Amino acid sequence: MSDTANINSDEDRLIRSRKNNLNQLIDLGIDPYPKVFSRTHSAEEAVKDLEDLEKSKKSEEILDNTRIAGRVTGIRGQGKMVFVDIKDRSGTIQAAMKKDILEETFNLVNLVDLGDIIGITGKIFRTRRGEPSIEVSDLQILTKSMRPLPDKWSGLKDVEKRYRQRYLDLISNDDAFNTAVKRSEIVSFIRNFMNQRGYLEVETPVLVSVPAGANAKPFSTRHNSLDRDLYLRIATELNLKKLIVGGMEKVYELGRVFRNEGIDHNHNPEFTTIESYEAYVDYNSIMELVEQLVSGAAESVNGSSKLDFGGSIGMIDLSPPWTRLDLREAIKDFSGVDFIDIESETELADKMRESGIHVDPNASWASMIDKIISDKVEPNLNQPTFLVDYPVKMSPLAKRKTNDDNTAERFEAFVLGSELANAFTELNDPIDQRERFEEQEALRKEFNDEELDRLEEDFLVAVEHGMPPTGGLGLGIDRLVMLLTKKLTIRDVVLFPQLKSID
């Protein structure tokens, strides 16, 4: 018999055993799925109450009406004494179930399986071995689990199963659970950070008629009632800048965007970003905002702006100020290519090959520069670094630098060789913006590149009404969580990542 057949046979046997226990509960007149259980404590709160009691030395006090609920993750002992581990969101606590205290209810203990959710009432005490515990005086079955959990010690060894059945990963893997909690804390910090600085959180459409605002291939869909094709947004940028035109001055949106691209350790087709726009500032102010936001998030969730990755990476220090590198000089230093006087794709491709960089067929000038950055520059940017001042050809939404028509006021932030943020001094000249969009449309057709940006007429009309000088930011939440939790793949920080289908 194969290993798979053995596993399936063992699982079927366990499921039958659980169904038998379920039927016994029903025969006893017990509802195995009651509607409510009133808790007085979490596991963590119960332990704290015990510690407070011990410090006060008021031994005459007995905390005997503590009510806790959670999932059974361990069962030990037999006969007249059984110990059960109960896990809730805050942690795990041991329940001591004694026959002489539970009396007839003790029979229920034999019908409890790993994975069941139970509620207990009892007295908080410390065992002879010093383990904080609950001496159970009442036991209730709250949810009968019909399938066995992953083995407590080996956990989910099948990596794909961890992502497909994330709920099992959360139950059996404390690190996965803590990462999910920390992600929520990071998002909460960001909202508070932005709100305290006077930004307004807004919501813009997910379904759009023109997928513009970034270089990406969109997902398409069909709106039956309107009888028109629509797209999932690839960015929130253009609608947010329309709000700047409308006088809102400081806005942000924290939400999902969708790009029909490959999946790897840094990319998931749907991901979370924060985009923010502030009137009357330039990209220098936005650099300071990024430094404060990222270092502040690290302090908030980790207690320090420093992260120790060990090995060859060592300590990453997120505290301001971050290193600022001129993009042109960085490319020259790490690849030997000086793009400033190279206008043709053919010449640039030759220079790239000389530097050992693969050139995709029919690649545009801008995409080739982006390839040089990703291959030769990014891997050298472990400590937090801003690459500053990009070619205008790569930055259709960014304002040109004063006295330099070929360079845009744009920066990208990198940590551990991975892009964390992208920001501009926003282009608010409607004539220049229209020309750049038209150029992008022409290049998209010439190079058959669906990722190049698109012209959105409604946005141009908005800018023609007058958009104030503005600094804009796009920052990847998933990558920030990866950084602050020291995870190497985006699938570890997205609760339900996109995966290949199972045949």
Protein backbone atom coordinates (compact mmCIF):
# COMPACT_ATOMS: atom_id res chain seq x y z
CA MET A 1 0.00 0.00 0.00
CA SER A 2 1.36 3.47 -0.93
CA ASP A 3 2.14 6.17 1.65
CA THR A 4 -0.77 8.26 0.29
CA ALA A 5 -3.16 5.34 0.69
CA ASN A 6 -1.93 4.80 4.27
CA ILE A 7 -2.45 8.47 5.08
CA ASN A 8 -5.95 8.45 3.62
CA SER A 9 -6.80 5.24 5.49
CA ASP A 10 -5.56 6.70 8.81
CA GLU A 11 -7.52 9.89 8.21
CA ASP A 12 -10.70 7.96 7.40
CA ARG A 13 -10.29 5.97 10.61
CA LEU A 14 -9.87 9.13 12.67
CA ILE A 15 -12.89 10.76 11.04
CA ARG A 16 -15.02 7.70 11.82
CA SER A 17 -13.85 7.84 15.44
CA ARG A 18 -14.79 11.50 15.68
CA LYS A 19 -18.21 10.86 14.18
CA ASN A 20 -18.72 8.14 16.79
CA ASN A 21 -17.85 10.62 19.56
CA LEU A 22 -20.21 13.14 17.98
CA ASN A 23 -23.05 10.64 17.99
CA GLN A 24 -22.39 9.77 21.63
CA LEU A 25 -22.67 13.45 22.56
CA ILE A 26 -25.96 13.71 20.72
CA ASP A 27 -27.23 10.54 22.43
CA LEU A 28 -26.40 12.19 25.78
CA GLY A 29 -28.58 15.12 24.82
CA ILE A 30 -25.61 17.46 24.35
CA ASP A 31 -25.55 19.97 21.52
CA PRO A 32 -22.03 19.66 20.03
CA TYR A 33 -22.39 23.07 18.34
CA PRO A 34 -23.97 25.47 20.88
CA LYS A 35 -24.49 29.12 19.98
CA VAL A 36 -22.57 30.95 22.68
CA PHE A 37 -20.10 30.69 25.56
CA SER A 38 -19.43 33.66 27.84
CA ARG A 39 -15.71 33.99 28.49
CA THR A 40 -14.25 35.93 31.39
CA HIS A 41 -10.58 35.52 30.43
CA SER A 42 -8.22 34.76 27.59
CA ALA A 43 -5.42 32.32 28.32
CA GLU A 44 -3.00 35.21 28.68
CA GLU A 45 -5.31 37.13 31.02
CA ALA A 46 -5.79 34.07 33.24
CA VAL A 47 -2.02 33.66 33.66
CA LYS A 48 -1.64 37.37 34.42
CA ASP A 49 -4.37 37.19 37.07
CA LEU A 50 -2.57 34.26 38.69
CA GLU A 51 0.73 36.12 38.70
CA ASP A 52 -0.92 39.23 40.18
CA LEU A 53 -2.50 37.08 42.89
CA GLU A 54 0.85 35.47 43.72
CA LYS A 55 2.57 38.87 43.92
CA SER A 56 -0.09 40.18 46.29
CA LYS A 57 0.32 37.04 48.44
CA LYS A 58 -3.42 36.95 49.05
CA SER A 59 -3.56 33.18 49.10
CA GLU A 60 -7.04 33.20 50.56
CA GLU A 61 -8.38 34.51 47.28
CA ILE A 62 -9.45 31.79 44.90
CA LEU A 63 -10.02 32.62 41.23
CA ASP A 64 -12.56 29.85 40.80
CA ASN A 65 -14.97 31.30 38.23
CA THR A 66 -12.56 31.72 35.34
CA ARG A 67 -14.17 30.90 32.00
CA ILE A 68 -11.93 30.20 29.02
CA ALA A 69 -12.64 28.86 25.51
CA GLY A 70 -10.32 27.62 22.81
CA ARG A 71 -9.11 24.79 20.64
CA VAL A 72 -7.76 21.56 22.14
CA THR A 73 -4.15 21.15 21.03
CA GLY A 74 -2.97 18.52 23.49
CA ILE A 75 -4.40 15.73 25.67
CA ARG A 76 -2.29 13.93 28.28
CA GLY A 77 -3.03 11.49 31.05
CA GLN A 78 -5.78 8.97 31.67
CA GLY A 79 -7.89 7.50 34.41
CA LYS A 80 -8.95 10.00 37.06
CA MET A 81 -6.75 12.91 35.86
CA VAL A 82 -6.45 14.30 32.33
CA PHE A 83 -4.55 17.41 31.24
CA VAL A 84 -5.81 19.29 28.19
CA ASP A 85 -4.03 22.16 26.41
CA ILE A 86 -6.42 24.88 25.28
CA LYS A 87 -5.28 27.45 22.72
CA ASP A 88 -6.94 30.78 22.01
CA ARG A 89 -5.72 33.90 20.23
CA SER A 90 -3.57 34.98 23.16
CA GLY A 91 -1.79 31.67 23.77
CA THR A 92 -2.17 28.26 25.39
CA ILE A 93 -3.15 27.28 28.93
CA GLN A 94 -3.33 23.89 30.58
CA ALA A 95 -6.66 22.58 31.92
CA ALA A 96 -6.57 19.97 34.69
CA MET A 97 -9.62 17.75 34.53
CA LYS A 98 -10.16 15.66 37.69
CA LYS A 99 -12.84 13.02 38.03
CA ASP A 100 -13.62 13.85 41.66
CA ILE A 101 -14.34 17.48 40.73
CA LEU A 102 -16.13 17.02 37.39
CA GLU A 103 -18.02 13.92 38.62
CA GLU A 104 -20.46 12.77 35.89
CA THR A 105 -19.27 15.47 33.48
CA PHE A 106 -15.86 13.74 33.51
CA ASN A 107 -17.29 11.22 31.00
CA LEU A 108 -17.22 14.01 28.40
CA VAL A 109 -13.44 14.11 28.58
CA ASN A 110 -13.25 10.76 26.76
CA LEU A 111 -15.28 12.27 23.91
CA VAL A 112 -12.93 15.23 23.42
CA ASP A 113 -10.60 15.02 20.38
CA LEU A 114 -7.63 17.12 19.34
CA GLY A 115 -8.98 20.09 17.41
CA ASP A 116 -12.27 20.31 19.31
CA ILE A 117 -13.20 23.71 20.65
CA ILE A 118 -14.25 23.59 24.29
CA GLY A 119 -15.25 25.96 27.07
CA ILE A 120 -14.16 25.46 30.66
CA THR A 121 -14.94 27.02 34.03
CA GLY A 122 -12.61 26.61 36.97
CA LYS A 123 -9.99 27.85 39.38
CA ILE A 124 -6.64 29.26 38.32
CA PHE A 125 -3.72 27.59 40.08
CA ARG A 126 -0.12 26.55 39.58
CA THR A 127 0.85 22.88 39.44
CA ARG A 128 3.72 21.38 41.44
CA ARG A 129 5.86 21.78 38.34
CA GLY A 130 4.97 25.49 38.22
CA GLU A 131 2.62 25.30 35.22
CA PRO A 132 -0.23 27.88 35.26
CA SER A 133 -3.43 25.83 34.92
CA ILE A 134 -7.19 25.80 35.32
CA GLU A 135 -8.71 23.24 37.71
CA VAL A 136 -11.87 22.52 35.71
CA SER A 137 -15.22 22.43 37.49
CA ASP A 138 -17.34 22.54 34.32
CA LEU A 139 -16.67 21.38 30.75
CA GLN A 140 -18.66 22.26 27.62
CA ILE A 141 -18.17 21.05 24.06
CA LEU A 142 -18.47 24.11 21.82
CA THR A 143 -17.45 22.71 18.42
CA LYS A 144 -16.80 19.11 17.47
CA SER A 145 -13.92 18.88 15.01
CA MET A 146 -14.54 16.21 12.36
CA ARG A 147 -11.06 16.20 10.81
CA PRO A 148 -7.69 15.64 12.51
CA LEU A 149 -5.25 18.51 12.81
CA PRO A 150 -1.66 18.38 11.53
CA ASP A 151 0.74 16.65 13.88
CA LYS A 152 1.67 19.07 16.67
CA TRP A 153 5.40 18.49 16.39
CA SER A 154 5.97 18.19 12.65
CA GLY A 155 3.28 20.70 11.66
CA LEU A 156 2.45 21.15 7.99
CA LYS A 157 5.49 19.86 6.10
CA ASP A 158 3.73 20.27 2.74
CA VAL A 159 4.50 23.92 1.93
CA GLU A 160 1.75 24.17 -0.69
CA LYS A 161 -0.77 22.81 1.82
CA ARG A 162 0.26 25.50 4.28
CA TYR A 163 -0.80 28.17 1.79
CA ARG A 164 -3.89 26.40 0.44
CA GLN A 165 -5.23 25.57 3.89
CA ARG A 166 -4.00 28.62 5.75
CA TYR A 167 -6.36 27.94 8.65
CA LEU A 168 -4.40 24.76 9.43
CA ASP A 169 -1.15 26.69 9.22
CA LEU A 170 -2.50 29.24 11.70
CA ILE A 171 -3.62 26.51 14.10
CA SER A 172 -0.43 24.48 14.02
CA ASN A 173 2.24 27.12 13.37
CA ASP A 174 2.68 29.87 15.96
CA ASP A 175 5.04 31.75 13.66
CA ALA A 176 2.42 31.92 10.90
CA PHE A 177 -0.19 33.08 13.41
CA ASN A 178 2.11 35.74 14.86
CA THR A 179 3.00 36.98 11.36
CA ALA A 180 -0.69 37.44 10.56
CA VAL A 181 -1.19 39.37 13.80
CA LYS A 182 1.88 41.50 13.14
CA ARG A 183 0.61 42.34 9.65
CA SER A 184 -2.60 43.68 11.17
CA GLU A 185 -0.57 45.73 13.66
CA ILE A 186 1.56 47.19 10.86
CA VAL A 187 -1.51 48.22 8.86
CA SER A 188 -3.05 49.81 11.97
CA PHE A 189 0.17 51.72 12.62
CA ILE A 190 0.23 53.04 9.05
CA ARG A 191 -3.36 54.26 9.27
CA ASN A 192 -2.69 56.02 12.56
CA PHE A 193 0.57 57.46 11.24
CA MET A 194 -1.13 58.97 8.18
CA ASN A 195 -4.22 60.15 10.06
CA GLN A 196 -2.12 61.92 12.68
CA ARG A 197 -0.38 63.84 9.88
CA GLY A 198 -3.66 65.15 8.55
CA TYR A 199 -4.12 62.76 5.64
CA LEU A 200 -7.66 61.67 4.78
CA GLU A 201 -8.26 58.00 4.03
CA VAL A 202 -10.39 57.59 0.92
CA GLU A 203 -11.66 54.82 -1.34
CA THR A 204 -11.46 54.78 -5.12
CA PRO A 205 -12.95 52.32 -7.65
CA VAL A 206 -11.51 48.85 -8.09
CA LEU A 207 -13.24 48.47 -11.47
CA VAL A 208 -11.93 51.05 -13.94
CA SER A 209 -12.44 51.76 -17.62
CA VAL A 210 -8.74 52.51 -18.24
CA PRO A 211 -6.08 50.55 -16.29
CA ALA A 212 -3.61 53.43 -15.91
CA GLY A 213 -1.23 54.79 -13.29
CA ALA A 214 1.51 52.13 -13.51
CA ASN A 215 3.41 49.91 -15.91
CA ALA A 216 1.52 46.62 -15.62
CA LYS A 217 -0.69 44.20 -17.52
CA PRO A 218 -4.28 44.37 -16.20
CA PHE A 219 -6.97 41.82 -15.47
CA SER A 220 -10.09 42.38 -17.55
CA THR A 221 -13.74 41.68 -16.79
CA ARG A 222 -17.18 42.38 -18.25
CA HIS A 223 -19.91 44.51 -16.74
CA ASN A 224 -23.14 43.00 -18.06
CA SER A 225 -25.52 45.79 -17.07
CA LEU A 226 -23.34 48.53 -18.58
CA ASP A 227 -22.41 46.26 -21.51
CA ARG A 228 -18.79 47.28 -21.37
CA ASP A 229 -15.36 45.89 -20.62
CA LEU A 230 -13.75 46.98 -17.37
CA TYR A 231 -10.42 46.28 -15.66
CA LEU A 232 -9.23 45.66 -12.13
CA ARG A 233 -7.15 48.67 -11.12
CA ILE A 234 -3.38 48.36 -11.39
CA ALA A 235 -2.88 51.42 -9.19
CA THR A 236 -4.91 53.98 -7.29
CA GLU A 237 -2.81 56.92 -8.44
CA LEU A 238 -4.92 58.78 -10.98
CA ASN A 239 -8.15 58.84 -8.99
CA LEU A 240 -6.29 59.97 -5.87
CA LYS A 241 -4.72 62.84 -7.80
CA LYS A 242 -8.18 63.85 -9.02
CA LEU A 243 -9.01 64.35 -5.33
CA ILE A 244 -5.96 66.61 -4.99
CA VAL A 245 -7.39 68.64 -7.87
CA GLY A 246 -10.65 68.74 -5.90
CA GLY A 247 -8.90 70.43 -2.98
CA MET A 248 -8.53 67.54 -0.51
CA GLU A 249 -4.76 68.31 -0.35
CA LYS A 250 -3.65 65.25 1.70
CA VAL A 251 -5.17 61.86 0.84
CA TYR A 252 -4.25 58.20 0.99
CA GLU A 253 -5.76 54.85 0.13
CA LEU A 254 -4.75 51.54 1.63
CA GLY A 255 -6.06 48.68 -0.47
CA ARG A 256 -5.67 46.00 -3.09
CA VAL A 257 -4.36 46.46 -6.61
CA PHE A 258 -4.22 43.79 -9.30
CA ARG A 259 -1.54 43.06 -11.90
CA ASN A 260 -1.66 40.17 -14.33
CA GLU A 261 1.95 39.18 -13.84
CA GLY A 262 4.05 36.22 -12.76
CA ILE A 263 4.24 34.80 -9.27
CA ASP A 264 7.53 34.65 -7.39
CA HIS A 265 8.89 35.31 -3.89
CA ASN A 266 8.27 39.06 -4.30
CA HIS A 267 5.14 39.11 -6.46
CA ASN A 268 1.50 38.09 -6.06
CA PRO A 269 -1.10 39.08 -8.70
CA GLU A 270 -3.18 40.87 -6.07
CA PHE A 271 -1.30 42.82 -3.45
CA THR A 272 -1.80 45.64 -0.97
CA THR A 273 -0.39 49.13 -1.30
CA ILE A 274 -0.68 52.48 0.35
CA GLU A 275 -0.69 55.40 -2.07
CA SER A 276 -0.62 58.92 -0.67
CA TYR A 277 -0.62 62.40 -2.19
CA GLU A 278 0.15 65.69 -0.50
CA ALA A 279 -0.21 69.11 -2.09
CA TYR A 280 2.56 71.71 -1.99
CA VAL A 281 5.46 69.33 -1.30
CA ASP A 282 8.00 67.59 -3.54
CA TYR A 283 9.73 64.21 -3.47
CA ASN A 284 12.18 65.33 -0.80
CA SER A 285 9.34 65.60 1.72
CA ILE A 286 8.07 62.19 0.62
CA MET A 287 11.50 60.65 1.27
CA GLU A 288 11.30 61.90 4.85
CA LEU A 289 7.75 60.52 5.10
CA VAL A 290 8.94 57.06 4.00
CA GLU A 291 11.83 57.08 6.48
CA GLN A 292 9.54 58.00 9.35
CA LEU A 293 6.76 55.59 8.36
CA VAL A 294 8.99 52.53 7.91
CA SER A 295 11.20 53.12 10.94
CA GLY A 296 8.12 53.99 13.01
CA ALA A 297 6.37 50.77 11.97
CA ALA A 298 9.46 48.78 12.96
CA GLU A 299 9.59 50.47 16.36
CA SER A 300 5.86 49.90 16.86
CA VAL A 301 5.72 46.17 16.10
CA ASN A 302 9.28 45.07 16.95
CA GLY A 303 10.37 47.58 19.55
CA SER A 304 13.38 48.63 17.48
CA SER A 305 14.22 50.18 14.12
CA LYS A 306 17.03 47.63 13.75
CA LEU A 307 16.52 44.13 12.33
CA ASP A 308 19.15 41.42 12.75
CA PHE A 309 19.13 39.08 9.74
CA GLY A 310 22.35 37.36 10.74
CA GLY A 311 24.77 35.74 8.33
CA SER A 312 26.16 37.86 5.52
CA ILE A 313 23.36 40.43 5.82
CA GLY A 314 23.74 41.27 9.49
CA MET A 315 21.94 44.23 11.02
CA ILE A 316 19.56 46.32 8.93
CA ASP A 317 19.09 49.81 10.39
CA LEU A 318 15.84 51.48 9.30
CA SER A 319 16.32 54.66 11.32
CA PRO A 320 16.60 57.94 9.35
CA PRO A 321 18.34 59.22 7.39
CA TRP A 322 18.56 56.64 4.62
CA THR A 323 21.29 56.61 1.99
CA ARG A 324 20.49 58.58 -1.15
CA LEU A 325 22.11 57.47 -4.42
CA ASP A 326 21.84 59.21 -7.78
CA LEU A 327 20.39 56.61 -10.16
CA ARG A 328 22.73 57.42 -13.05
CA GLU A 329 25.83 57.18 -10.83
CA ALA A 330 24.59 53.95 -9.22
CA ILE A 331 24.06 52.32 -12.63
CA LYS A 332 27.54 53.45 -13.76
CA ASP A 333 29.15 52.12 -10.57
CA PHE A 334 27.47 48.70 -10.58
CA SER A 335 27.15 47.98 -14.32
CA GLY A 336 29.57 50.28 -16.15
CA VAL A 337 26.72 51.58 -18.31
CA ASP A 338 26.22 55.35 -18.60
CA PHE A 339 22.80 55.77 -20.18
CA ILE A 340 22.83 59.55 -20.37
CA ASP A 341 24.03 59.76 -23.98
CA ILE A 342 22.55 56.46 -25.18
CA GLU A 343 19.29 57.14 -27.01
CA SER A 344 18.87 54.09 -29.25
CA GLU A 345 17.65 50.70 -28.07
CA THR A 346 20.30 48.98 -30.20
CA GLU A 347 23.23 50.81 -28.59
CA LEU A 348 21.84 50.30 -25.10
CA ALA A 349 21.32 46.59 -25.77
CA ASP A 350 24.94 46.28 -26.88
CA LYS A 351 26.17 47.98 -23.70
CA MET A 352 24.03 45.67 -21.59
CA ARG A 353 25.39 42.55 -23.27
CA GLU A 354 28.92 43.82 -22.69
CA SER A 355 28.04 43.95 -18.98
CA GLY A 356 26.62 40.44 -19.02
CA ILE A 357 22.96 41.51 -18.79
CA HIS A 358 20.33 39.56 -20.71
CA VAL A 359 18.30 41.68 -23.13
CA ASP A 360 14.73 40.67 -23.87
CA PRO A 361 13.81 40.79 -27.56
CA ASN A 362 11.97 43.92 -28.70
CA ALA A 363 12.52 45.61 -25.31
CA SER A 364 11.97 49.36 -25.05
CA TRP A 365 14.68 51.74 -23.84
CA ALA A 366 12.91 52.27 -20.49
CA SER A 367 12.41 48.55 -19.88
CA MET A 368 16.11 47.93 -20.60
CA ILE A 369 17.16 50.53 -18.01
CA ASP A 370 14.78 48.90 -15.55
CA LYS A 371 16.46 45.56 -16.31
CA ILE A 372 19.91 47.03 -15.57
CA ILE A 373 18.65 48.35 -12.24
CA SER A 374 17.10 45.03 -11.20
CA ASP A 375 20.11 42.93 -12.30
CA LYS A 376 23.05 45.09 -11.29
CA VAL A 377 21.97 47.75 -8.81
CA GLU A 378 19.21 46.35 -6.59
CA PRO A 379 21.18 43.32 -5.30
CA ASN A 380 23.70 45.74 -3.76
CA LEU A 381 21.12 47.74 -1.80
CA ASN A 382 20.74 45.83 1.47
CA GLN A 383 20.63 48.81 3.81
CA PRO A 384 17.68 51.19 3.25
CA THR A 385 18.49 53.27 0.20
CA PHE A 386 16.77 55.79 -2.05
CA LEU A 387 17.66 55.65 -5.73
CA VAL A 388 16.98 59.20 -6.86
CA ASP A 389 16.32 60.96 -10.19
CA TYR A 390 15.14 58.64 -12.96
CA PRO A 391 15.03 59.20 -16.72
CA VAL A 392 11.83 60.92 -17.85
CA LYS A 393 11.34 58.03 -20.32
CA MET A 394 10.83 55.73 -17.31
CA SER A 395 8.62 58.13 -15.39
CA PRO A 396 5.59 59.35 -17.36
CA LEU A 397 3.82 60.71 -14.27
CA ALA A 398 6.77 62.50 -12.63
CA LYS A 399 7.81 66.16 -12.91
CA ARG A 400 11.05 67.03 -14.70
CA LYS A 401 13.95 68.38 -12.69
CA THR A 402 14.66 72.09 -13.03
CA ASN A 403 17.12 72.72 -15.87
CA ASP A 404 17.22 69.03 -16.83
CA ASP A 405 14.56 67.97 -19.33
CA ASN A 406 15.74 64.33 -19.39
CA THR A 407 15.52 63.61 -15.66
CA ALA A 408 12.43 63.29 -13.47
CA GLU A 409 12.09 63.94 -9.75
CA ARG A 410 11.41 60.33 -8.85
CA PHE A 411 12.83 57.95 -6.27
CA GLU A 412 12.49 54.29 -5.41
CA ALA A 413 13.21 52.93 -1.94
CA PHE A 414 15.06 49.63 -1.53
CA VAL A 415 15.85 47.40 1.44
CA LEU A 416 17.49 43.97 1.21
CA GLY A 417 17.71 44.38 -2.56
CA SER A 418 13.94 44.64 -2.94
CA GLU A 419 11.85 47.64 -3.98
CA LEU A 420 9.73 48.93 -1.13
CA ALA A 421 8.36 52.22 -2.46
CA ASN A 422 8.08 54.37 -5.57
CA ALA A 423 7.45 58.12 -5.45
CA PHE A 424 7.47 61.30 -7.51
CA THR A 425 7.19 64.98 -7.50
CA GLU A 426 3.94 64.66 -9.43
CA LEU A 427 3.62 66.05 -12.94
CA ASN A 428 0.94 68.74 -12.91
CA ASP A 429 1.58 70.34 -16.31
CA PRO A 430 -1.40 69.06 -18.38
CA ILE A 431 0.28 69.69 -21.73
CA ASP A 432 3.43 67.79 -20.78
CA GLN A 433 1.32 65.03 -19.20
CA ARG A 434 -0.73 64.55 -22.35
CA GLU A 435 2.40 64.36 -24.49
CA ARG A 436 3.93 61.75 -22.17
CA PHE A 437 0.77 59.62 -22.19
CA GLU A 438 0.61 59.79 -25.98
CA GLU A 439 4.26 58.72 -26.13
CA GLN A 440 3.47 55.75 -23.84
CA GLU A 441 0.57 54.74 -26.09
CA ALA A 442 2.85 54.90 -29.15
CA LEU A 443 5.57 52.86 -27.44
CA ARG A 444 3.04 50.26 -26.28
CA LYS A 445 2.00 49.70 -29.87
CA GLU A 446 5.57 49.81 -31.24
CA PHE A 447 6.94 47.29 -28.74
CA ASN A 448 3.68 45.38 -28.21
CA ASP A 449 4.18 45.92 -24.49
CA GLU A 450 0.96 45.68 -22.48
CA GLU A 451 2.74 46.87 -19.33
CA LEU A 452 3.37 50.42 -20.53
CA ASP A 453 1.13 53.11 -19.04
CA ARG A 454 -2.10 54.23 -20.70
CA LEU A 455 -3.73 57.54 -21.46
CA GLU A 456 -6.73 58.28 -19.26
CA GLU A 457 -8.65 61.24 -20.68
CA ASP A 458 -10.68 61.96 -17.55
CA PHE A 459 -7.48 62.34 -15.54
CA LEU A 460 -6.05 64.74 -18.11
CA VAL A 461 -9.23 66.82 -18.00
CA ALA A 462 -8.92 66.96 -14.21
CA VAL A 463 -5.30 68.15 -14.37
CA GLU A 464 -6.31 70.77 -16.96
CA HIS A 465 -8.49 72.29 -14.24
CA GLY A 466 -5.34 72.80 -12.17
CA MET A 467 -3.51 70.42 -9.84
CA PRO A 468 -1.28 72.04 -7.21
CA PRO A 469 2.38 71.00 -6.78
CA THR A 470 2.16 67.54 -5.22
CA GLY A 471 4.34 64.81 -3.76
CA GLY A 472 3.07 61.26 -4.24
CA LEU A 473 3.99 57.86 -2.80
CA GLY A 474 3.24 54.21 -3.49
CA LEU A 475 4.48 51.71 -0.89
CA GLY A 476 3.99 47.94 -0.90
CA ILE A 477 2.41 46.72 2.32
CA ASP A 478 3.23 43.05 1.65
CA ARG A 479 6.92 43.80 1.17
CA LEU A 480 6.97 45.99 4.25
CA VAL A 481 5.48 43.12 6.27
CA MET A 482 8.05 40.74 4.75
CA LEU A 483 10.80 43.07 5.89
CA LEU A 484 9.52 43.63 9.43
CA THR A 485 8.74 39.93 10.00
CA LYS A 486 11.94 38.76 8.25
CA LYS A 487 10.09 36.58 5.74
CA LEU A 488 11.68 35.67 2.42
CA THR A 489 8.53 35.07 0.38
CA ILE A 490 5.37 37.10 -0.09
CA ARG A 491 3.30 33.94 0.38
CA ASP A 492 4.26 33.94 4.07
CA VAL A 493 2.68 37.36 4.67
CA VAL A 494 -0.42 37.13 2.45
CA LEU A 495 -3.07 35.06 4.19
CA PHE A 496 -4.48 33.61 0.96
CA PRO A 497 -1.89 33.87 -1.85
CA GLN A 498 -2.66 32.90 -5.42
CA LEU A 499 -1.43 29.38 -6.20
CA LYS A 500 -1.30 27.05 -9.15
CA SER A 501 -4.43 24.97 -9.54
CA ILE A 502 -4.41 21.34 -8.43
CA ASP A 503 -4.96 18.93 -11.31
